[in-house]
PDB file of N, CA and C in Angstrom:
ATOM      1  N   CYS A   1      17.092  49.019  74.657  1.00  0.00           N
ATOM      2  CA  CYS A   1      17.497  50.317  74.107  1.00  0.00           C
ATOM      3  C   CYS A   1      18.674  50.185  73.144  1.00  0.00           C
ATOM      4  N   ASP A   2      18.606  49.196  72.301  1.00  0.00           N
ATOM      5  CA  ASP A   2      19.674  49.031  71.312  1.00  0.00           C
ATOM      6  C   ASP A   2      19.185  49.365  69.906  1.00  0.00           C
ATOM      7  N   ARG A   3      17.980  49.946  69.840  1.00  0.00           N
ATOM      8  CA  ARG A   3      17.336  50.330  68.588  1.00  0.00           C
ATOM      9  C   ARG A   3      16.965  49.131  67.717  1.00  0.00           C
ATOM     10  N   VAL A   4      16.912  47.976  68.349  1.00  0.00           N
ATOM     11  CA  VAL A   4      16.438  46.760  67.689  1.00  0.00           C
ATOM     12  C   VAL A   4      15.240  46.276  68.496  1.00  0.00           C
ATOM     13  N   ILE A   5      14.108  46.126  67.836  1.00  0.00           N
ATOM     14  CA  ILE A   5      12.900  45.690  68.528  1.00  0.00           C
ATOM     15  C   ILE A   5      12.994  44.194  68.794  1.00  0.00           C
ATOM     16  N   ASN A   6      12.975  43.847  70.073  1.00  0.00           N
ATOM     17  CA  ASN A   6      13.046  42.452  70.485  1.00  0.00           C
ATOM     18  C   ASN A   6      11.712  41.945  71.029  1.00  0.00           C
ATOM     19  N   CYS A   7      10.896  42.839  71.511  1.00  0.00           N
ATOM     20  CA  CYS A   7       9.600  42.460  72.058  1.00  0.00           C
ATOM     21  C   CYS A   7       8.522  42.705  71.004  1.00  0.00           C
ATOM     22  N   PRO A   8       7.531  41.834  70.931  1.00  0.00           N
ATOM     23  CA  PRO A   8       6.473  42.005  69.933  1.00  0.00           C
ATOM     24  C   PRO A   8       5.757  43.356  70.042  1.00  0.00           C
ATOM     25  N   ASP A   9       5.660  43.906  71.248  1.00  0.00           N
ATOM     26  CA  ASP A   9       4.977  45.193  71.419  1.00  0.00           C
ATOM     27  C   ASP A   9       5.939  46.380  71.454  1.00  0.00           C
ATOM     28  N   SER A  10       7.212  46.157  71.154  1.00  0.00           N
ATOM     29  CA  SER A  10       8.257  47.200  71.085  1.00  0.00           C
ATOM     30  C   SER A  10       8.564  47.849  72.426  1.00  0.00           C
ATOM     31  N   THR A  11       8.121  47.295  73.523  1.00  0.00           N
ATOM     32  CA  THR A  11       8.347  47.921  74.827  1.00  0.00           C
ATOM     33  C   THR A  11       9.821  47.968  75.216  1.00  0.00           C
ATOM     34  N   ASP A  12      10.650  47.134  74.585  1.00  0.00           N
ATOM     35  CA  ASP A  12      12.081  47.173  74.904  1.00  0.00           C
ATOM     36  C   ASP A  12      12.753  48.430  74.364  1.00  0.00           C
ATOM     37  N   GLU A  13      12.065  49.165  73.489  1.00  0.00           N
ATOM     38  CA  GLU A  13      12.630  50.381  72.905  1.00  0.00           C
ATOM     39  C   GLU A  13      11.888  51.642  73.353  1.00  0.00           C
ATOM     40  N   LEU A  14      11.024  51.533  74.338  1.00  0.00           N
ATOM     41  CA  LEU A  14      10.293  52.698  74.843  1.00  0.00           C
ATOM     42  C   LEU A  14      11.116  53.433  75.899  1.00  0.00           C
ATOM     43  N   ASP A  15      10.992  54.758  75.917  1.00  0.00           N
ATOM     44  CA  ASP A  15      11.632  55.610  76.931  1.00  0.00           C
ATOM     45  C   ASP A  15      13.144  55.426  77.001  1.00  0.00           C
ATOM     46  N   CYS A  16      13.776  55.193  75.874  1.00  0.00           N
ATOM     47  CA  CYS A  16      15.237  55.054  75.837  1.00  0.00           C
ATOM     48  C   CYS A  16      15.868  56.435  75.714  1.00  0.00           C
ATOM     49  N   PRO A  17      16.931  56.705  76.455  1.00  0.00           N
ATOM     50  CA  PRO A  17      17.589  58.014  76.333  1.00  0.00           C
ATOM     51  C   PRO A  17      18.350  58.116  75.011  1.00  0.00           C
ATOM     52  N   CYS A  18      18.453  59.339  74.508  1.00  0.00           N
ATOM     53  CA  CYS A  18      19.248  59.569  73.301  1.00  0.00           C
ATOM     54  C   CYS A  18      20.724  59.551  73.673  1.00  0.00           C
ATOM     55  N   LYS A  19      21.567  59.294  72.692  1.00  0.00           N
ATOM     56  CA  LYS A  19      23.014  59.297  72.912  1.00  0.00           C
ATOM     57  C   LYS A  19      23.500  60.735  73.064  1.00  0.00           C
ATOM     58  N   ASP A  20      24.743  60.909  73.522  1.00  0.00           N
ATOM     59  CA  ASP A  20      25.309  62.245  73.735  1.00  0.00           C
ATOM     60  C   ASP A  20      25.339  63.078  72.462  1.00  0.00           C
ATOM     61  N   ASN A  21      25.527  62.440  71.307  1.00  0.00           N
ATOM     62  CA  ASN A  21      25.617  63.183  70.049  1.00  0.00           C
ATOM     63  C   ASN A  21      24.262  63.262  69.349  1.00  0.00           C
ATOM     64  N   GLU A  22      23.185  63.068  70.107  1.00  0.00           N
ATOM     65  CA  GLU A  22      21.841  63.107  69.547  1.00  0.00           C
ATOM     66  C   GLU A  22      20.980  64.142  70.264  1.00  0.00           C
ATOM     67  N   PHE A  23      19.960  64.588  69.569  1.00  0.00           N
ATOM     68  CA  PHE A  23      18.977  65.526  70.100  1.00  0.00           C
ATOM     69  C   PHE A  23      17.716  64.737  70.445  1.00  0.00           C
ATOM     70  N   THR A  24      17.130  65.029  71.590  1.00  0.00           N
ATOM     71  CA  THR A  24      15.885  64.374  71.987  1.00  0.00           C
ATOM     72  C   THR A  24      14.709  65.229  71.542  1.00  0.00           C
ATOM     73  N   CYS A  25      13.945  64.727  70.606  1.00  0.00           N
ATOM     74  CA  CYS A  25      12.738  65.416  70.156  1.00  0.00           C
ATOM     75  C   CYS A  25      11.727  65.437  71.302  1.00  0.00           C
ATOM     76  N   LYS A  26      10.793  66.383  71.259  1.00  0.00           N
ATOM     77  CA  LYS A  26       9.781  66.471  72.317  1.00  0.00           C
ATOM     78  C   LYS A  26       8.952  65.197  72.420  1.00  0.00           C
ATOM     79  N   ASN A  27       8.815  64.472  71.307  1.00  0.00           N
ATOM     80  CA  ASN A  27       8.037  63.230  71.333  1.00  0.00           C
ATOM     81  C   ASN A  27       8.880  62.026  71.762  1.00  0.00           C
ATOM     82  N   GLY A  28      10.167  62.270  72.100  1.00  0.00           N
ATOM     83  CA  GLY A  28      11.039  61.204  72.579  1.00  0.00           C
ATOM     84  C   GLY A  28      11.939  60.589  71.531  1.00  0.00           C
ATOM     85  N   ASP A  29      11.693  60.878  70.257  1.00  0.00           N
ATOM     86  CA  ASP A  29      12.560  60.355  69.199  1.00  0.00           C
ATOM     87  C   ASP A  29      13.952  60.964  69.314  1.00  0.00           C
ATOM     88  N   CYS A  30      14.937  60.304  68.723  1.00  0.00           N
ATOM     89  CA  CYS A  30      16.316  60.793  68.710  1.00  0.00           C
ATOM     90  C   CYS A  30      16.736  61.073  67.272  1.00  0.00           C
ATOM     91  N   ILE A  31      17.408  62.198  67.070  1.00  0.00           N
ATOM     92  CA  ILE A  31      17.989  62.514  65.766  1.00  0.00           C
ATOM     93  C   ILE A  31      19.421  62.976  65.997  1.00  0.00           C
ATOM     94  N   ARG A  32      20.215  63.000  64.939  1.00  0.00           N
ATOM     95  CA  ARG A  32      21.592  63.492  65.059  1.00  0.00           C
ATOM     96  C   ARG A  32      21.559  64.969  65.441  1.00  0.00           C
ATOM     97  N   ILE A  33      22.466  65.378  66.307  1.00  0.00           N
ATOM     98  CA  ILE A  33      22.479  66.753  66.816  1.00  0.00           C
ATOM     99  C   ILE A  33      22.659  67.772  65.689  1.00  0.00           C
ATOM    100  N   ASN A  34      23.381  67.401  64.628  1.00  0.00           N
ATOM    101  CA  ASN A  34      23.603  68.348  63.528  1.00  0.00           C
ATOM    102  C   ASN A  34      22.374  68.493  62.632  1.00  0.00           C
ATOM    103  N   GLN A  35      21.299  67.803  62.949  1.00  0.00           N
ATOM    104  CA  GLN A  35      20.060  67.940  62.193  1.00  0.00           C
ATOM    105  C   GLN A  35      19.120  68.971  62.816  1.00  0.00           C
ATOM    106  N   THR A  36      19.533  69.593  63.914  1.00  0.00           N
ATOM    107  CA  THR A  36      18.695  70.607  64.548  1.00  0.00           C
ATOM    108  C   THR A  36      18.947  71.963  63.907  1.00  0.00           C
ATOM    109  N   CYS A  37      17.910  72.773  63.874  1.00  0.00           N
ATOM    110  CA  CYS A  37      17.997  74.169  63.395  1.00  0.00           C
ATOM    111  C   CYS A  37      18.607  74.269  62.003  1.00  0.00           C
ATOM    112  N   ASP A  38      18.239  73.350  61.120  1.00  0.00           N
ATOM    113  CA  ASP A  38      18.770  73.380  59.755  1.00  0.00           C
ATOM    114  C   ASP A  38      17.678  73.666  58.730  1.00  0.00           C
ATOM    115  N   ALA A  39      16.527  74.162  59.200  1.00  0.00           N
ATOM    116  CA  ALA A  39      15.373  74.491  58.356  1.00  0.00           C
ATOM    117  C   ALA A  39      14.778  73.257  57.688  1.00  0.00           C
ATOM    118  N   GLN A  40      15.113  72.085  58.183  1.00  0.00           N
ATOM    119  CA  GLN A  40      14.586  70.821  57.664  1.00  0.00           C
ATOM    120  C   GLN A  40      14.062  70.023  58.856  1.00  0.00           C
ATOM    121  N   PRO A  41      12.748  69.942  59.045  1.00  0.00           N
ATOM    122  CA  PRO A  41      12.221  69.185  60.183  1.00  0.00           C
ATOM    123  C   PRO A  41      12.621  67.708  60.105  1.00  0.00           C
ATOM    124  N   ASP A  42      13.239  67.215  61.157  1.00  0.00           N
ATOM    125  CA  ASP A  42      13.651  65.814  61.221  1.00  0.00           C
ATOM    126  C   ASP A  42      12.894  65.063  62.312  1.00  0.00           C
ATOM    127  N   CYS A  43      12.435  65.770  63.330  1.00  0.00           N
ATOM    128  CA  CYS A  43      11.589  65.159  64.352  1.00  0.00           C
ATOM    129  C   CYS A  43      10.162  65.104  63.794  1.00  0.00           C
ATOM    130  N   ALA A  44       9.443  64.048  64.110  1.00  0.00           N
ATOM    131  CA  ALA A  44       8.059  63.930  63.646  1.00  0.00           C
ATOM    132  C   ALA A  44       7.203  65.088  64.154  1.00  0.00           C
ATOM    133  N   ASP A  45       7.573  65.655  65.311  1.00  0.00           N
ATOM    134  CA  ASP A  45       6.822  66.772  65.888  1.00  0.00           C
ATOM    135  C   ASP A  45       7.437  68.133  65.558  1.00  0.00           C
ATOM    136  N   ASN A  46       8.447  68.155  64.690  1.00  0.00           N
ATOM    137  CA  ASN A  46       9.144  69.386  64.257  1.00  0.00           C
ATOM    138  C   ASN A  46       9.863  70.113  65.387  1.00  0.00           C
ATOM    139  N   SER A  47      10.060  69.469  66.530  1.00  0.00           N
ATOM    140  CA  SER A  47      10.682  70.154  67.667  1.00  0.00           C
ATOM    141  C   SER A  47      12.153  70.479  67.433  1.00  0.00           C
ATOM    142  N   ASP A  48      12.790  69.881  66.435  1.00  0.00           N
ATOM    143  CA  ASP A  48      14.185  70.205  66.131  1.00  0.00           C
ATOM    144  C   ASP A  48      14.313  71.541  65.411  1.00  0.00           C
ATOM    145  N   GLU A  49      13.191  72.127  65.005  1.00  0.00           N
ATOM    146  CA  GLU A  49      13.189  73.435  64.346  1.00  0.00           C
ATOM    147  C   GLU A  49      12.429  74.466  65.177  1.00  0.00           C
ATOM    148  N   ASP A  50      12.191  74.167  66.442  1.00  0.00           N
ATOM    149  CA  ASP A  50      11.453  75.046  67.333  1.00  0.00           C
ATOM    150  C   ASP A  50      12.143  76.401  67.448  1.00  0.00           C
ATOM    151  N   GLN A  51      11.367  77.471  67.397  1.00  0.00           N
ATOM    152  CA  GLN A  51      11.923  78.826  67.445  1.00  0.00           C
ATOM    153  C   GLN A  51      12.746  79.059  68.704  1.00  0.00           C
ATOM    154  N   GLU A  52      12.286  78.593  69.841  1.00  0.00           N
ATOM    155  CA  GLU A  52      13.032  78.794  71.090  1.00  0.00           C
ATOM    156  C   GLU A  52      14.368  78.072  71.071  1.00  0.00           C
ATOM    157  N   LEU A  53      14.434  76.941  70.408  1.00  0.00           N
ATOM    158  CA  LEU A  53      15.677  76.183  70.302  1.00  0.00           C
ATOM    159  C   LEU A  53      16.641  76.857  69.337  1.00  0.00           C
ATOM    160  N   CYS A  54      16.125  77.335  68.219  1.00  0.00           N
ATOM    161  CA  CYS A  54      16.993  77.797  67.133  1.00  0.00           C
ATOM    162  C   CYS A  54      17.387  79.263  67.215  1.00  0.00           C
ATOM    163  N   LEU A  55      16.538  80.131  67.721  1.00  0.00           N
ATOM    164  CA  LEU A  55      16.867  81.556  67.741  1.00  0.00           C
ATOM    165  C   LEU A  55      18.121  81.891  68.528  1.00  0.00           C
ATOM    166  N   PRO A  56      18.367  81.285  69.691  1.00  0.00           N
ATOM    167  CA  PRO A  56      19.582  81.652  70.425  1.00  0.00           C
ATOM    168  C   PRO A  56      20.878  81.375  69.665  1.00  0.00           C
ATOM    169  N   THR A  57      20.828  80.542  68.620  1.00  0.00           N
ATOM    170  CA  THR A  57      22.046  80.262  67.866  1.00  0.00           C
ATOM    171  C   THR A  57      22.353  81.368  66.865  1.00  0.00           C
ATOM    172  N   ILE A  58      21.395  82.260  66.647  1.00  0.00           N
ATOM    173  CA  ILE A  58      21.594  83.353  65.704  1.00  0.00           C
ATOM    174  C   ILE A  58      22.001  84.588  66.491  1.00  0.00           C
ATOM    175  N   PRO A  59      23.190  85.137  66.247  1.00  0.00           N
ATOM    176  CA  PRO A  59      23.591  86.335  66.985  1.00  0.00           C
ATOM    177  C   PRO A  59      22.627  87.477  66.707  1.00  0.00           C
ATOM    178  N   THR A  60      22.159  88.133  67.749  1.00  0.00           N
ATOM    179  CA  THR A  60      21.236  89.241  67.563  1.00  0.00           C
ATOM    180  C   THR A  60      21.965  90.577  67.481  1.00  0.00           C
ATOM    181  N   PHE A  61      23.210  90.602  67.865  1.00  0.00           N
ATOM    182  CA  PHE A  61      24.005  91.817  67.775  1.00  0.00           C
ATOM    183  C   PHE A  61      25.470  91.400  67.759  1.00  0.00           C
ATOM    184  N   PRO A  62      26.333  92.227  67.192  1.00  0.00           N
ATOM    185  CA  PRO A  62      27.744  91.842  67.176  1.00  0.00           C
ATOM    186  C   PRO A  62      28.327  91.877  68.582  1.00  0.00           C
ATOM    187  N   PRO A  63      29.359  91.082  68.835  1.00  0.00           N
ATOM    188  CA  PRO A  63      29.986  91.122  70.156  1.00  0.00           C
ATOM    189  C   PRO A  63      30.563  92.507  70.434  1.00  0.00           C
ATOM    190  N   ALA A  64      30.707  92.835  71.688  1.00  0.00           N
ATOM    191  CA  ALA A  64      31.203  94.152  72.081  1.00  0.00           C
ATOM    192  C   ALA A  64      32.642  94.348  71.629  1.00  0.00           C
ATOM    193  N   CYS A  65      32.992  95.601  71.363  1.00  0.00           N
ATOM    194  CA  CYS A  65      34.386  95.941  71.056  1.00  0.00           C
ATOM    195  C   CYS A  65      35.190  95.894  72.355  1.00  0.00           C
ATOM    196  N   LEU A  66      36.476  95.738  72.219  1.00  0.00           N
ATOM    197  CA  LEU A  66      37.359  95.789  73.377  1.00  0.00           C
ATOM    198  C   LEU A  66      37.298  97.176  73.997  1.00  0.00           C
ATOM    199  N   GLU A  67      37.643  97.271  75.257  1.00  0.00           N
ATOM    200  CA  GLU A  67      37.668  98.566  75.928  1.00  0.00           C
ATOM    201  C   GLU A  67      38.618  99.495  75.182  1.00  0.00           C
ATOM    202  N   GLY A  68      38.203 100.737  75.008  1.00  0.00           N
ATOM    203  CA  GLY A  68      39.028 101.715  74.309  1.00  0.00           C
ATOM    204  C   GLY A  68      38.874 101.667  72.798  1.00  0.00           C
ATOM    205  N   HIS A  69      37.856 100.942  72.322  1.00  0.00           N
ATOM    206  CA  HIS A  69      37.600 100.845  70.891  1.00  0.00           C
ATOM    207  C   HIS A  69      36.183 101.311  70.583  1.00  0.00           C
ATOM    208  N   PHE A  70      35.980 101.719  69.348  1.00  0.00           N
ATOM    209  CA  PHE A  70      34.721 102.256  68.851  1.00  0.00           C
ATOM    210  C   PHE A  70      34.212 101.327  67.756  1.00  0.00           C
ATOM    211  N   ARG A  71      32.902 101.061  67.720  1.00  0.00           N
ATOM    212  CA  ARG A  71      32.332 100.219  66.670  1.00  0.00           C
ATOM    213  C   ARG A  71      31.884 101.084  65.500  1.00  0.00           C
ATOM    214  N   CYS A  72      32.453 100.830  64.338  1.00  0.00           N
ATOM    215  CA  CYS A  72      32.017 101.486  63.105  1.00  0.00           C
ATOM    216  C   CYS A  72      30.608 100.995  62.771  1.00  0.00           C
ATOM    217  N   ALA A  73      29.886 101.743  61.949  1.00  0.00           N
ATOM    218  CA  ALA A  73      28.529 101.346  61.568  1.00  0.00           C
ATOM    219  C   ALA A  73      28.513  99.995  60.857  1.00  0.00           C
ATOM    220  N   VAL A  74      29.589  99.637  60.161  1.00  0.00           N
ATOM    221  CA  VAL A  74      29.648  98.346  59.466  1.00  0.00           C
ATOM    222  C   VAL A  74      30.022  97.208  60.397  1.00  0.00           C
ATOM    223  N   GLY A  75      30.306  97.504  61.675  1.00  0.00           N
ATOM    224  CA  GLY A  75      30.531  96.457  62.657  1.00  0.00           C
ATOM    225  C   GLY A  75      31.956  96.226  63.101  1.00  0.00           C
ATOM    226  N   ILE A  76      32.945  96.755  62.390  1.00  0.00           N
ATOM    227  CA  ILE A  76      34.326  96.529  62.826  1.00  0.00           C
ATOM    228  C   ILE A  76      34.680  97.502  63.944  1.00  0.00           C
ATOM    229  N   CYS A  77      35.687  97.164  64.720  1.00  0.00           N
ATOM    230  CA  CYS A  77      36.108  98.002  65.844  1.00  0.00           C
ATOM    231  C   CYS A  77      37.429  98.685  65.518  1.00  0.00           C
ATOM    232  N   VAL A  78      37.526  99.963  65.868  1.00  0.00           N
ATOM    233  CA  VAL A  78      38.777 100.714  65.703  1.00  0.00           C
ATOM    234  C   VAL A  78      39.094 101.395  67.034  1.00  0.00           C
ATOM    235  N   ASP A  79      40.329 101.738  67.214  1.00  0.00           N
ATOM    236  CA  ASP A  79      40.779 102.421  68.424  1.00  0.00           C
ATOM    237  C   ASP A  79      39.974 103.710  68.604  1.00  0.00           C
ATOM    238  N   SER A  80      39.460 103.938  69.804  1.00  0.00           N
ATOM    239  CA  SER A  80      38.646 105.126  70.078  1.00  0.00           C
ATOM    240  C   SER A  80      39.392 106.426  69.817  1.00  0.00           C
ATOM    241  N   ARG A  81      40.711 106.409  69.946  1.00  0.00           N
ATOM    242  CA  ARG A  81      41.494 107.626  69.692  1.00  0.00           C
ATOM    243  C   ARG A  81      41.440 108.033  68.225  1.00  0.00           C
ATOM    244  N   LYS A  82      41.025 107.116  67.356  1.00  0.00           N
ATOM    245  CA  LYS A  82      40.943 107.421  65.924  1.00  0.00           C
ATOM    246  C   LYS A  82      39.591 108.015  65.539  1.00  0.00           C
ATOM    247  N   ARG A  83      38.655 108.055  66.491  1.00  0.00           N
ATOM    248  CA  ARG A  83      37.348 108.638  66.204  1.00  0.00           C
ATOM    249  C   ARG A  83      37.466 110.159  66.230  1.00  0.00           C
ATOM    250  N   CYS A  84      36.938 110.786  65.200  1.00  0.00           N
ATOM    251  CA  CYS A  84      36.930 112.251  65.077  1.00  0.00           C
ATOM    252  C   CYS A  84      38.339 112.841  65.090  1.00  0.00           C
ATOM    253  N   ASP A  85      39.293 112.130  64.483  1.00  0.00           N
ATOM    254  CA  ASP A  85      40.662 112.662  64.420  1.00  0.00           C
ATOM    255  C   ASP A  85      40.983 113.269  63.060  1.00  0.00           C
ATOM    256  N   GLY A  86      39.980 113.363  62.177  1.00  0.00           N
ATOM    257  CA  GLY A  86      40.199 113.938  60.857  1.00  0.00           C
ATOM    258  C   GLY A  86      40.664 112.925  59.821  1.00  0.00           C
ATOM    259  N   ASN A  87      40.919 111.703  60.223  1.00  0.00           N
ATOM    260  CA  ASN A  87      41.333 110.645  59.297  1.00  0.00           C
ATOM    261  C   ASN A  87      40.271 109.551  59.288  1.00  0.00           C
ATOM    262  N   VAL A  88      39.902 109.098  58.104  1.00  0.00           N
ATOM    263  CA  VAL A  88      38.898 108.044  57.983  1.00  0.00           C
ATOM    264  C   VAL A  88      39.540 106.704  58.309  1.00  0.00           C
ATOM    265  N   ASP A  89      38.997 106.021  59.307  1.00  0.00           N
ATOM    266  CA  ASP A  89      39.501 104.705  59.700  1.00  0.00           C
ATOM    267  C   ASP A  89      38.464 103.599  59.490  1.00  0.00           C
ATOM    268  N   CYS A  90      37.187 103.956  59.494  1.00  0.00           N
ATOM    269  CA  CYS A  90      36.121 102.984  59.231  1.00  0.00           C
ATOM    270  C   CYS A  90      35.840 102.973  57.728  1.00  0.00           C
ATOM    271  N   PRO A  91      35.611 101.805  57.145  1.00  0.00           N
ATOM    272  CA  PRO A  91      35.311 101.748  55.713  1.00  0.00           C
ATOM    273  C   PRO A  91      34.091 102.580  55.327  1.00  0.00           C
ATOM    274  N   ASP A  92      33.170 102.779  56.260  1.00  0.00           N
ATOM    275  CA  ASP A  92      31.960 103.553  55.991  1.00  0.00           C
ATOM    276  C   ASP A  92      32.078 105.006  56.461  1.00  0.00           C
ATOM    277  N   LYS A  93      33.253 105.397  56.914  1.00  0.00           N
ATOM    278  CA  LYS A  93      33.558 106.760  57.377  1.00  0.00           C
ATOM    279  C   LYS A  93      32.798 107.147  58.645  1.00  0.00           C
ATOM    280  N   SER A  94      32.186 106.170  59.326  1.00  0.00           N
ATOM    281  CA  SER A  94      31.375 106.498  60.496  1.00  0.00           C
ATOM    282  C   SER A  94      32.198 107.006  61.672  1.00  0.00           C
ATOM    283  N   ASP A  95      33.511 106.800  61.656  1.00  0.00           N
ATOM    284  CA  ASP A  95      34.344 107.319  62.746  1.00  0.00           C
ATOM    285  C   ASP A  95      34.532 108.827  62.648  1.00  0.00           C
ATOM    286  N   GLU A  96      34.149 109.409  61.522  1.00  0.00           N
ATOM    287  CA  GLU A  96      34.290 110.858  61.347  1.00  0.00           C
ATOM    288  C   GLU A  96      32.933 111.555  61.239  1.00  0.00           C
ATOM    289  N   LEU A  97      31.864 110.857  61.608  1.00  0.00           N
ATOM    290  CA  LEU A  97      30.529 111.457  61.586  1.00  0.00           C
ATOM    291  C   LEU A  97      30.150 111.934  62.982  1.00  0.00           C
ATOM    292  N   GLU A  98      29.299 112.965  63.037  1.00  0.00           N
ATOM    293  CA  GLU A  98      28.795 113.514  64.299  1.00  0.00           C
ATOM    294  C   GLU A  98      29.919 113.934  65.240  1.00  0.00           C
ATOM    295  N   CYS A  99      30.946 114.522  64.690  1.00  0.00           N
ATOM    296  CA  CYS A  99      32.076 114.995  65.497  1.00  0.00           C
ATOM    297  C   CYS A  99      31.859 116.457  65.872  1.00  0.00           C
ATOM    298  N   ILE A 100      32.238 116.809  67.074  1.00  0.00           N
ATOM    299  CA  ILE A 100      32.159 118.193  67.527  1.00  0.00           C
ATOM    300  C   ILE A 100      33.509 118.833  67.254  1.00  0.00           C
ATOM    301  N   ILE A 101      33.475 119.911  66.498  1.00  0.00           N
ATOM    302  CA  ILE A 101      34.716 120.606  66.149  1.00  0.00           C
ATOM    303  C   ILE A 101      34.852 121.822  67.058  1.00  0.00           C
ATOM    304  N   THR A 102      35.967 121.911  67.738  1.00  0.00           N
ATOM    305  CA  THR A 102      36.234 123.045  68.615  1.00  0.00           C
ATOM    306  C   THR A 102      37.181 123.987  67.897  1.00  0.00           C
ATOM    307  N   CYS A 103      36.757 125.226  67.753  1.00  0.00           N
ATOM    308  CA  CYS A 103      37.595 126.218  67.083  1.00  0.00           C
ATOM    309  C   CYS A 103      38.418 126.974  68.126  1.00  0.00           C
ATOM    310  N   GLY A 104      39.593 127.383  67.732  1.00  0.00           N
ATOM    311  CA  GLY A 104      40.441 128.178  68.605  1.00  0.00           C
ATOM    312  C   GLY A 104      39.951 129.621  68.645  1.00  0.00           C
ATOM    313  N   PRO A 105      40.521 130.439  69.529  1.00  0.00           N
ATOM    314  CA  PRO A 105      40.109 131.849  69.606  1.00  0.00           C
ATOM    315  C   PRO A 105      40.436 132.576  68.303  1.00  0.00           C
ATOM    316  N   LEU A 106      39.591 133.553  67.975  1.00  0.00           N
ATOM    317  CA  LEU A 106      39.811 134.335  66.757  1.00  0.00           C
ATOM    318  C   LEU A 106      41.021 135.231  66.945  1.00  0.00           C
ATOM    319  N   GLU A 107      41.776 135.342  65.910  1.00  0.00           N
ATOM    320  CA  GLU A 107      42.961 136.210  65.993  1.00  0.00           C
ATOM    321  C   GLU A 107      42.768 137.449  65.180  1.00  0.00           C
TER     322      GLU A 107
END
């Protein structure tokens, strides 16, 4: 398992584990870990571009805002007390949309 074929039938290089900084292709080949999910198949069986392997690396939603914060439509978080306070705090003005306005008694 030194990546040098010493036996005429190559059996000295069969079933060798990949190194820590390598990815094990489904067919047993080893490639550099940074060659996975790069839209360039490097494994002979294309397993380094497998959808199940690569999709989890793509965020499907932004991380949650801290407690007491509101997520603007553009994705940034602002203090919840600033929502519907009459002042625009989100770049897209979403903190001032769909606000319920309470009117005082008529005088």
